[in-house]
Structures are given as C-alpha cells and as structure tokens.
Amino acid sequence: MLHRPPESNGDGLLPEYNLCMARGWESKSIEEQQSQASSSQQLGPRPTLDQLARLHQQQGLLLSRARVIQQLETAQNAQHREMLKAALVELDARLARLG
C-alpha cells in the first residue's frame, strides 16, 4: 500500500488539520527560539580563554579532591592515610591559590 499525500480542498491548500498542526509546531519553535535568545542575553559577557583555563583547572582540582576524600574514607593503612591527607592539603592550597 502506497502512502499518498493529502488531497487539496480545491483552492490549492491542504486540509485544515494540517494547517493547524503546522501552526502549532511553528509557534512552539518560535517560542523556543525566543526563550533561548533571551536566556543567552542574560548570561552576560563570554569568559576569556584565561578564565576558561582557570575554571577547567579548578574543576579538575575539585574532582581530584573528591577522589582523595573518598579514598581517605576507605583507607586502612596508616601510611596510605597520611599520604592522602598530605595530598588533600596540597589540593586545598592549590585551590586557594586559584582564587
């Protein structure tokens, strides 16, 4: 069975239900575009490359810190615990230097 496009109603327009559907989708698309445009204007100026690099470094240090804390909670060996505590102090110092 072949799928046929809807027949015109004589004036060259598609049936009414197709027009309503198209308008509904179109209005949602326009609403979404307007919403995105207004939200992008509220974000303010774009960060510089230096700011992005600092943010990336800070996120990496925070992830490392979380991993060290998790390991510290489960570490059994006293020497290993001391090493993790020293690593945590160093990560905190590096985060403080970043700002």
N, C-alpha and C. Protein backbone atom coordinates (compact mmCIF):
# COMPACT_ATOMS: atom_id res chain seq x y z
N MET A 1 0.84 -1.17 0.00
CA MET A 1 0.00 0.00 0.00
C MET A 1 0.88 1.23 0.00
N LEU A 2 0.67 2.15 -0.90
CA LEU A 2 1.46 3.37 -1.00
C LEU A 2 0.81 4.47 -0.19
N HIS A 3 1.65 5.28 0.41
CA HIS A 3 1.15 6.42 1.17
C HIS A 3 0.99 7.60 0.22
N ARG A 4 -0.20 8.17 0.18
CA ARG A 4 -0.45 9.29 -0.70
C ARG A 4 -0.57 10.57 0.12
N PRO A 5 -0.05 11.67 -0.39
CA PRO A 5 -0.21 12.94 0.33
C PRO A 5 -1.67 13.34 0.37
N PRO A 6 -2.06 14.15 1.34
CA PRO A 6 -3.47 14.55 1.43
C PRO A 6 -3.88 15.35 0.20
N GLU A 7 -5.12 15.19 -0.14
CA GLU A 7 -5.67 15.89 -1.31
C GLU A 7 -5.94 17.34 -0.95
N SER A 8 -5.79 18.19 -1.93
CA SER A 8 -6.13 19.60 -1.78
C SER A 8 -7.63 19.73 -1.66
N ASN A 9 -8.11 20.80 -1.03
CA ASN A 9 -9.54 21.00 -0.90
C ASN A 9 -10.09 21.86 -2.02
N GLY A 10 -9.35 21.99 -3.13
CA GLY A 10 -9.84 22.70 -4.28
C GLY A 10 -9.22 24.07 -4.46
N ASP A 11 -8.79 24.70 -3.38
CA ASP A 11 -8.18 26.03 -3.51
C ASP A 11 -6.66 25.97 -3.43
N GLY A 12 -6.11 24.78 -3.53
CA GLY A 12 -4.66 24.62 -3.50
C GLY A 12 -4.08 24.49 -2.10
N LEU A 13 -4.93 24.55 -1.08
CA LEU A 13 -4.47 24.43 0.30
C LEU A 13 -4.70 23.02 0.82
N LEU A 14 -3.89 22.62 1.75
CA LEU A 14 -4.07 21.31 2.37
C LEU A 14 -5.24 21.39 3.34
N PRO A 15 -5.75 20.23 3.73
CA PRO A 15 -6.88 20.23 4.67
C PRO A 15 -6.56 21.01 5.95
N GLU A 16 -7.59 21.45 6.61
CA GLU A 16 -7.50 22.30 7.80
C GLU A 16 -6.63 21.69 8.90
N TYR A 17 -6.74 20.37 9.13
CA TYR A 17 -5.99 19.77 10.22
C TYR A 17 -4.49 19.88 10.01
N ASN A 18 -4.02 19.87 8.81
CA ASN A 18 -2.59 20.01 8.56
C ASN A 18 -2.13 21.44 8.85
N LEU A 19 -2.95 22.40 8.53
CA LEU A 19 -2.58 23.79 8.78
C LEU A 19 -2.48 24.07 10.27
N CYS A 20 -3.41 23.55 11.04
CA CYS A 20 -3.37 23.76 12.49
C CYS A 20 -2.13 23.09 13.09
N MET A 21 -1.82 21.92 12.63
CA MET A 21 -0.65 21.22 13.15
C MET A 21 0.61 22.01 12.85
N ALA A 22 0.70 22.49 11.62
CA ALA A 22 1.89 23.24 11.22
C ALA A 22 2.03 24.50 12.06
N ARG A 23 0.94 25.21 12.28
CA ARG A 23 1.00 26.43 13.07
C ARG A 23 1.39 26.13 14.51
N GLY A 24 0.87 25.05 15.05
CA GLY A 24 1.21 24.68 16.42
C GLY A 24 2.69 24.40 16.58
N TRP A 25 3.24 23.64 15.66
CA TRP A 25 4.66 23.33 15.72
C TRP A 25 5.49 24.58 15.50
N GLU A 26 5.06 25.41 14.57
CA GLU A 26 5.80 26.63 14.26
C GLU A 26 5.82 27.56 15.47
N SER A 27 4.70 27.72 16.14
CA SER A 27 4.66 28.63 17.28
C SER A 27 5.53 28.12 18.41
N LYS A 28 5.58 26.80 18.60
CA LYS A 28 6.45 26.25 19.64
C LYS A 28 7.91 26.48 19.29
N SER A 29 8.24 26.34 18.03
CA SER A 29 9.62 26.56 17.60
C SER A 29 10.02 28.02 17.81
N ILE A 30 9.14 28.93 17.46
CA ILE A 30 9.43 30.36 17.64
C ILE A 30 9.54 30.68 19.12
N GLU A 31 8.66 30.12 19.93
CA GLU A 31 8.71 30.35 21.38
C GLU A 31 10.03 29.86 21.95
N GLU A 32 10.46 28.70 21.49
CA GLU A 32 11.73 28.14 21.97
C GLU A 32 12.90 29.03 21.55
N GLN A 33 12.89 29.51 20.32
CA GLN A 33 13.96 30.39 19.84
C GLN A 33 14.00 31.68 20.64
N GLN A 34 12.86 32.25 20.94
CA GLN A 34 12.81 33.48 21.72
C GLN A 34 13.31 33.23 23.14
N SER A 35 12.95 32.10 23.70
CA SER A 35 13.40 31.76 25.04
C SER A 35 14.92 31.61 25.08
N GLN A 36 15.49 30.93 24.08
CA GLN A 36 16.93 30.76 24.01
C GLN A 36 17.63 32.09 23.82
N ALA A 37 17.07 32.96 23.01
CA ALA A 37 17.69 34.26 22.76
C ALA A 37 17.69 35.10 24.03
N SER A 38 16.60 35.08 24.78
CA SER A 38 16.55 35.88 26.00
C SER A 38 17.46 35.29 27.07
N SER A 39 17.57 33.97 27.15
CA SER A 39 18.44 33.37 28.17
C SER A 39 19.90 33.59 27.83
N SER A 40 20.26 33.62 26.55
CA SER A 40 21.65 33.85 26.19
C SER A 40 22.04 35.30 26.45
N GLN A 41 21.10 36.22 26.38
CA GLN A 41 21.39 37.62 26.67
C GLN A 41 21.60 37.82 28.17
N GLN A 42 20.98 37.01 29.00
CA GLN A 42 21.09 37.14 30.44
C GLN A 42 22.39 36.58 30.98
N LEU A 43 23.10 35.80 30.20
CA LEU A 43 24.33 35.17 30.67
C LEU A 43 25.46 36.15 30.85
N GLY A 44 25.45 37.26 30.16
CA GLY A 44 26.49 38.25 30.28
C GLY A 44 27.61 37.99 29.30
N PRO A 45 28.74 38.65 29.50
CA PRO A 45 29.85 38.51 28.56
C PRO A 45 30.47 37.12 28.62
N ARG A 46 31.03 36.72 27.51
CA ARG A 46 31.68 35.40 27.45
C ARG A 46 33.00 35.45 28.21
N PRO A 47 33.35 34.35 28.87
CA PRO A 47 34.62 34.31 29.59
C PRO A 47 35.80 34.29 28.62
N THR A 48 36.92 34.83 29.07
CA THR A 48 38.12 34.83 28.26
C THR A 48 38.76 33.45 28.29
N LEU A 49 39.75 33.24 27.46
CA LEU A 49 40.46 31.94 27.45
C LEU A 49 41.15 31.69 28.78
N ASP A 50 41.70 32.73 29.38
CA ASP A 50 42.35 32.57 30.69
C ASP A 50 41.34 32.17 31.76
N GLN A 51 40.16 32.78 31.71
CA GLN A 51 39.12 32.42 32.67
C GLN A 51 38.65 30.98 32.47
N LEU A 52 38.52 30.57 31.22
CA LEU A 52 38.11 29.20 30.94
C LEU A 52 39.17 28.20 31.41
N ALA A 53 40.45 28.55 31.18
CA ALA A 53 41.54 27.67 31.62
C ALA A 53 41.55 27.54 33.13
N ARG A 54 41.34 28.66 33.83
CA ARG A 54 41.31 28.64 35.30
C ARG A 54 40.13 27.81 35.79
N LEU A 55 38.97 27.97 35.16
CA LEU A 55 37.79 27.20 35.55
C LEU A 55 38.02 25.71 35.32
N HIS A 56 38.63 25.36 34.20
CA HIS A 56 38.92 23.96 33.90
C HIS A 56 39.89 23.38 34.92
N GLN A 57 40.91 24.15 35.28
CA GLN A 57 41.89 23.69 36.28
C GLN A 57 41.21 23.53 37.64
N GLN A 58 40.35 24.47 38.00
CA GLN A 58 39.66 24.40 39.28
C GLN A 58 38.75 23.17 39.33
N GLN A 59 38.04 22.89 38.25
CA GLN A 59 37.17 21.72 38.23
C GLN A 59 37.98 20.43 38.36
N GLY A 60 39.14 20.39 37.71
CA GLY A 60 39.99 19.21 37.83
C GLY A 60 40.49 19.01 39.25
N LEU A 61 40.87 20.11 39.91
CA LEU A 61 41.33 20.02 41.30
C LEU A 61 40.20 19.58 42.23
N LEU A 62 38.99 20.08 41.97
CA LEU A 62 37.86 19.68 42.80
C LEU A 62 37.53 18.20 42.62
N LEU A 63 37.66 17.70 41.41
CA LEU A 63 37.43 16.27 41.18
C LEU A 63 38.49 15.43 41.87
N SER A 64 39.74 15.88 41.79
CA SER A 64 40.83 15.18 42.47
C SER A 64 40.61 15.18 43.97
N ARG A 65 40.17 16.31 44.49
CA ARG A 65 39.92 16.43 45.93
C ARG A 65 38.82 15.46 46.36
N ALA A 66 37.77 15.38 45.59
CA ALA A 66 36.67 14.45 45.91
C ALA A 66 37.15 13.00 45.89
N ARG A 67 38.01 12.68 44.92
CA ARG A 67 38.54 11.32 44.84
C ARG A 67 39.43 11.01 46.04
N VAL A 68 40.27 11.96 46.45
CA VAL A 68 41.15 11.75 47.60
C VAL A 68 40.33 11.57 48.86
N ILE A 69 39.29 12.38 49.03
CA ILE A 69 38.43 12.23 50.22
C ILE A 69 37.76 10.86 50.24
N GLN A 70 37.29 10.41 49.08
CA GLN A 70 36.67 9.09 49.01
C GLN A 70 37.67 8.00 49.39
N GLN A 71 38.89 8.11 48.89
CA GLN A 71 39.91 7.11 49.21
C GLN A 71 40.29 7.18 50.68
N LEU A 72 40.32 8.38 51.23
CA LEU A 72 40.68 8.56 52.64
C LEU A 72 39.65 7.89 53.56
N GLU A 73 38.39 7.93 53.15
CA GLU A 73 37.33 7.32 53.95
C GLU A 73 37.46 5.80 54.02
N THR A 74 38.07 5.20 53.03
CA THR A 74 38.16 3.73 52.99
C THR A 74 39.56 3.19 53.25
N ALA A 75 40.55 4.08 53.34
CA ALA A 75 41.94 3.63 53.52
C ALA A 75 42.12 2.99 54.89
N GLN A 76 42.84 1.85 54.92
CA GLN A 76 43.10 1.13 56.16
C GLN A 76 44.54 1.34 56.64
N ASN A 77 45.46 1.43 55.71
CA ASN A 77 46.88 1.54 56.03
C ASN A 77 47.19 2.96 56.51
N ALA A 78 47.89 3.06 57.64
CA ALA A 78 48.20 4.37 58.24
C ALA A 78 49.07 5.22 57.31
N GLN A 79 50.06 4.61 56.66
CA GLN A 79 50.93 5.36 55.76
C GLN A 79 50.14 5.89 54.54
N HIS A 80 49.27 5.06 54.05
CA HIS A 80 48.44 5.48 52.92
C HIS A 80 47.53 6.64 53.32
N ARG A 81 46.96 6.57 54.53
CA ARG A 81 46.11 7.64 55.02
C ARG A 81 46.90 8.95 55.15
N GLU A 82 48.13 8.87 55.64
CA GLU A 82 48.95 10.07 55.76
C GLU A 82 49.27 10.67 54.39
N MET A 83 49.54 9.81 53.42
CA MET A 83 49.81 10.28 52.07
C MET A 83 48.57 10.99 51.49
N LEU A 84 47.39 10.42 51.72
CA LEU A 84 46.15 11.02 51.24
C LEU A 84 45.86 12.35 51.93
N LYS A 85 46.15 12.43 53.22
CA LYS A 85 45.96 13.69 53.94
C LYS A 85 46.88 14.77 53.40
N ALA A 86 48.13 14.40 53.10
CA ALA A 86 49.07 15.37 52.51
C ALA A 86 48.59 15.81 51.13
N ALA A 87 48.06 14.89 50.37
CA ALA A 87 47.55 15.23 49.04
C ALA A 87 46.35 16.17 49.16
N LEU A 88 45.52 15.95 50.16
CA LEU A 88 44.36 16.81 50.38
C LEU A 88 44.79 18.23 50.75
N VAL A 89 45.82 18.34 51.61
CA VAL A 89 46.34 19.66 51.98
C VAL A 89 46.89 20.38 50.75
N GLU A 90 47.61 19.66 49.91
CA GLU A 90 48.18 20.24 48.70
C GLU A 90 47.08 20.69 47.73
N LEU A 91 46.05 19.87 47.55
CA LEU A 91 44.94 20.25 46.67
C LEU A 91 44.22 21.49 47.19
N ASP A 92 44.02 21.56 48.52
CA ASP A 92 43.37 22.73 49.10
C ASP A 92 44.21 23.99 48.89
N ALA A 93 45.52 23.86 49.01
CA ALA A 93 46.41 25.01 48.80
C ALA A 93 46.36 25.47 47.34
N ARG A 94 46.35 24.54 46.43
CA ARG A 94 46.29 24.89 45.00
C ARG A 94 44.95 25.55 44.66
N LEU A 95 43.87 25.06 45.26
CA LEU A 95 42.57 25.69 45.05
C LEU A 95 42.54 27.10 45.61
N ALA A 96 43.16 27.30 46.76
CA ALA A 96 43.21 28.63 47.37
C ALA A 96 44.01 29.59 46.50
N ARG A 97 45.09 29.12 45.89
CA ARG A 97 45.90 29.98 45.01
C ARG A 97 45.13 30.36 43.75
N LEU A 98 44.25 29.48 43.30
CA LEU A 98 43.47 29.80 42.10
C LEU A 98 42.45 30.91 42.36
N GLY A 99 42.04 31.03 43.60
CA GLY A 99 41.11 32.13 43.89
C GLY A 99 39.86 31.61 44.43
